[in-house]
Amino acid sequence: MSGPEFRFGAERSYPLAHAGPDPLFTESLVNSVAAVLVGYGYPRLAAVDDWAALESALAAFLYNPKER
């Protein structure tokens, strides 16, 4: 990453606090990310397990993990 928006030592924007269902986290979001990956040459997600793994990875990036 480069450019003016990327600064060393800048405060992180992610993960987000997560207190419940997020109306922004939709199947359409997962589909859009999958399409971007395909556009960069990654294989299409064909298996249900691939979709579930992508959804889990996005959730892990976007939201704070639950406290243990």
N, C-alpha and C. Protein backbone atom coordinates (compact mmCIF):
# COMPACT_ATOMS: atom_id res chain seq x y z
N MET A 1 0.83 -1.18 0.00
CA MET A 1 0.00 0.00 0.00
C MET A 1 0.87 1.23 0.00
N SER A 2 0.41 2.23 -0.68
CA SER A 2 1.13 3.49 -0.67
C SER A 2 0.13 4.60 -0.88
N GLY A 3 0.62 5.79 -0.79
CA GLY A 3 -0.25 6.94 -1.01
C GLY A 3 -0.47 7.71 0.27
N PRO A 4 -1.12 8.83 0.17
CA PRO A 4 -1.27 9.70 1.33
C PRO A 4 -2.16 9.11 2.41
N GLU A 5 -3.06 8.18 2.07
CA GLU A 5 -3.96 7.63 3.09
C GLU A 5 -3.30 6.57 3.95
N PHE A 6 -2.12 6.07 3.55
CA PHE A 6 -1.42 5.06 4.32
C PHE A 6 -0.26 5.72 5.05
N ARG A 7 -0.35 5.75 6.36
CA ARG A 7 0.70 6.39 7.14
C ARG A 7 1.21 5.42 8.19
N PHE A 8 2.50 5.32 8.29
CA PHE A 8 3.11 4.49 9.33
C PHE A 8 2.71 5.05 10.68
N GLY A 9 2.27 4.17 11.57
CA GLY A 9 1.91 4.59 12.91
C GLY A 9 0.52 5.18 13.03
N ALA A 10 -0.24 5.21 11.94
CA ALA A 10 -1.60 5.75 12.01
C ALA A 10 -2.48 4.80 12.81
N GLU A 11 -3.49 5.35 13.44
CA GLU A 11 -4.43 4.53 14.21
C GLU A 11 -5.22 3.63 13.27
N ARG A 12 -5.38 2.39 13.66
CA ARG A 12 -6.11 1.43 12.83
C ARG A 12 -7.60 1.73 12.81
N SER A 13 -8.23 1.44 11.68
CA SER A 13 -9.68 1.58 11.55
C SER A 13 -10.39 0.25 11.79
N TYR A 14 -9.66 -0.85 11.63
CA TYR A 14 -10.22 -2.20 11.78
C TYR A 14 -9.39 -2.97 12.77
N PRO A 15 -9.97 -3.88 13.50
CA PRO A 15 -11.35 -4.35 13.46
C PRO A 15 -12.30 -3.37 14.13
N LEU A 16 -13.56 -3.47 13.74
CA LEU A 16 -14.63 -2.65 14.29
C LEU A 16 -15.19 -3.30 15.54
N ALA A 17 -15.74 -2.48 16.42
CA ALA A 17 -16.47 -3.03 17.56
C ALA A 17 -17.71 -3.74 17.01
N HIS A 18 -18.05 -4.85 17.58
CA HIS A 18 -19.17 -5.64 17.05
C HIS A 18 -20.10 -6.02 18.19
N ALA A 19 -21.28 -5.43 18.19
CA ALA A 19 -22.22 -5.67 19.27
C ALA A 19 -23.46 -6.42 18.83
N GLY A 20 -23.53 -6.82 17.58
CA GLY A 20 -24.71 -7.52 17.11
C GLY A 20 -24.75 -7.55 15.60
N PRO A 21 -25.88 -7.92 15.04
CA PRO A 21 -25.99 -8.00 13.58
C PRO A 21 -25.64 -6.67 12.91
N ASP A 22 -24.91 -6.75 11.82
CA ASP A 22 -24.51 -5.56 11.06
C ASP A 22 -25.24 -5.59 9.72
N PRO A 23 -26.10 -4.61 9.45
CA PRO A 23 -26.84 -4.61 8.19
C PRO A 23 -25.95 -4.44 6.96
N LEU A 24 -24.71 -3.99 7.16
CA LEU A 24 -23.79 -3.83 6.04
C LEU A 24 -23.14 -5.16 5.63
N PHE A 25 -23.08 -6.11 6.56
CA PHE A 25 -22.44 -7.40 6.28
C PHE A 25 -23.49 -8.33 5.68
N THR A 26 -23.52 -8.36 4.36
CA THR A 26 -24.57 -9.09 3.65
C THR A 26 -23.96 -10.12 2.71
N GLU A 27 -24.82 -10.96 2.17
CA GLU A 27 -24.39 -11.92 1.15
C GLU A 27 -23.84 -11.17 -0.07
N SER A 28 -24.41 -10.02 -0.36
CA SER A 28 -23.94 -9.21 -1.48
C SER A 28 -22.50 -8.75 -1.26
N LEU A 29 -22.14 -8.40 -0.04
CA LEU A 29 -20.77 -8.01 0.27
C LEU A 29 -19.82 -9.16 0.00
N VAL A 30 -20.17 -10.35 0.48
CA VAL A 30 -19.33 -11.53 0.26
C VAL A 30 -19.22 -11.82 -1.23
N ASN A 31 -20.33 -11.72 -1.96
CA ASN A 31 -20.30 -11.92 -3.42
C ASN A 31 -19.39 -10.91 -4.10
N SER A 32 -19.44 -9.66 -3.67
CA SER A 32 -18.61 -8.62 -4.27
C SER A 32 -17.13 -8.88 -4.03
N VAL A 33 -16.77 -9.27 -2.83
CA VAL A 33 -15.37 -9.59 -2.53
C VAL A 33 -14.92 -10.79 -3.35
N ALA A 34 -15.77 -11.80 -3.46
CA ALA A 34 -15.44 -12.97 -4.28
C ALA A 34 -15.20 -12.56 -5.73
N ALA A 35 -16.02 -11.65 -6.25
CA ALA A 35 -15.87 -11.19 -7.63
C ALA A 35 -14.55 -10.43 -7.81
N VAL A 36 -14.17 -9.64 -6.83
CA VAL A 36 -12.89 -8.92 -6.90
C VAL A 36 -11.73 -9.92 -6.94
N LEU A 37 -11.80 -10.94 -6.11
CA LEU A 37 -10.74 -11.97 -6.11
C LEU A 37 -10.63 -12.63 -7.48
N VAL A 38 -11.76 -12.98 -8.06
CA VAL A 38 -11.76 -13.59 -9.40
C VAL A 38 -11.16 -12.62 -10.42
N GLY A 39 -11.49 -11.36 -10.29
CA GLY A 39 -10.95 -10.34 -11.20
C GLY A 39 -9.44 -10.23 -11.13
N TYR A 40 -8.87 -10.59 -9.99
CA TYR A 40 -7.41 -10.57 -9.83
C TYR A 40 -6.77 -11.91 -10.18
N GLY A 41 -7.59 -12.84 -10.68
CA GLY A 41 -7.03 -14.11 -11.14
C GLY A 41 -7.15 -15.28 -10.19
N TYR A 42 -7.78 -15.07 -9.05
CA TYR A 42 -7.99 -16.18 -8.12
C TYR A 42 -9.15 -17.04 -8.63
N PRO A 43 -9.17 -18.32 -8.25
CA PRO A 43 -10.25 -19.18 -8.73
C PRO A 43 -11.61 -18.79 -8.16
N ARG A 44 -12.65 -19.10 -8.93
CA ARG A 44 -14.03 -18.86 -8.48
C ARG A 44 -14.32 -19.72 -7.25
N LEU A 45 -15.17 -19.20 -6.38
CA LEU A 45 -15.61 -19.97 -5.22
C LEU A 45 -16.75 -20.87 -5.69
N ALA A 46 -16.54 -22.16 -5.66
CA ALA A 46 -17.54 -23.08 -6.16
C ALA A 46 -18.21 -23.86 -5.02
N ALA A 47 -17.44 -24.25 -4.04
CA ALA A 47 -17.95 -25.08 -2.95
C ALA A 47 -18.55 -24.21 -1.84
N VAL A 48 -19.56 -24.72 -1.20
CA VAL A 48 -20.20 -24.02 -0.07
C VAL A 48 -19.17 -23.73 1.01
N ASP A 49 -18.25 -24.66 1.22
CA ASP A 49 -17.22 -24.44 2.25
C ASP A 49 -16.32 -23.26 1.91
N ASP A 50 -16.07 -23.02 0.61
CA ASP A 50 -15.27 -21.86 0.20
C ASP A 50 -16.00 -20.57 0.55
N TRP A 51 -17.30 -20.52 0.29
CA TRP A 51 -18.09 -19.33 0.62
C TRP A 51 -18.10 -19.10 2.13
N ALA A 52 -18.27 -20.15 2.89
CA ALA A 52 -18.29 -20.03 4.35
C ALA A 52 -16.93 -19.54 4.87
N ALA A 53 -15.85 -20.03 4.28
CA ALA A 53 -14.51 -19.61 4.70
C ALA A 53 -14.28 -18.14 4.38
N LEU A 54 -14.72 -17.69 3.21
CA LEU A 54 -14.58 -16.27 2.86
C LEU A 54 -15.39 -15.40 3.80
N GLU A 55 -16.61 -15.81 4.09
CA GLU A 55 -17.44 -15.05 5.01
C GLU A 55 -16.80 -14.97 6.40
N SER A 56 -16.25 -16.06 6.87
CA SER A 56 -15.58 -16.08 8.17
C SER A 56 -14.35 -15.18 8.18
N ALA A 57 -13.56 -15.22 7.09
CA ALA A 57 -12.36 -14.40 7.01
C ALA A 57 -12.73 -12.91 7.00
N LEU A 58 -13.78 -12.54 6.27
CA LEU A 58 -14.23 -11.14 6.25
C LEU A 58 -14.70 -10.70 7.64
N ALA A 59 -15.45 -11.55 8.29
CA ALA A 59 -15.94 -11.22 9.63
C ALA A 59 -14.77 -11.06 10.61
N ALA A 60 -13.77 -11.93 10.50
CA ALA A 60 -12.61 -11.84 11.39
C ALA A 60 -11.84 -10.55 11.15
N PHE A 61 -11.74 -10.11 9.89
CA PHE A 61 -11.05 -8.85 9.59
C PHE A 61 -11.86 -7.65 10.07
N LEU A 62 -13.16 -7.66 9.85
CA LEU A 62 -13.99 -6.50 10.11
C LEU A 62 -14.28 -6.26 11.58
N TYR A 63 -14.44 -7.32 12.36
CA TYR A 63 -14.96 -7.17 13.72
C TYR A 63 -13.99 -7.66 14.77
N ASN A 64 -14.09 -7.05 15.95
CA ASN A 64 -13.31 -7.52 17.09
C ASN A 64 -13.72 -8.93 17.43
N PRO A 65 -12.73 -9.79 17.74
CA PRO A 65 -13.11 -11.13 18.19
C PRO A 65 -13.79 -11.06 19.55
N LYS A 66 -14.65 -12.01 19.80
CA LYS A 66 -15.32 -12.06 21.10
C LYS A 66 -14.28 -12.30 22.19
N GLU A 67 -14.49 -11.65 23.33
CA GLU A 67 -13.57 -11.86 24.45
C GLU A 67 -13.72 -13.28 24.96
N ARG A 68 -12.59 -13.85 25.36
CA ARG A 68 -12.63 -15.22 25.89
C ARG A 68 -12.49 -15.23 27.37
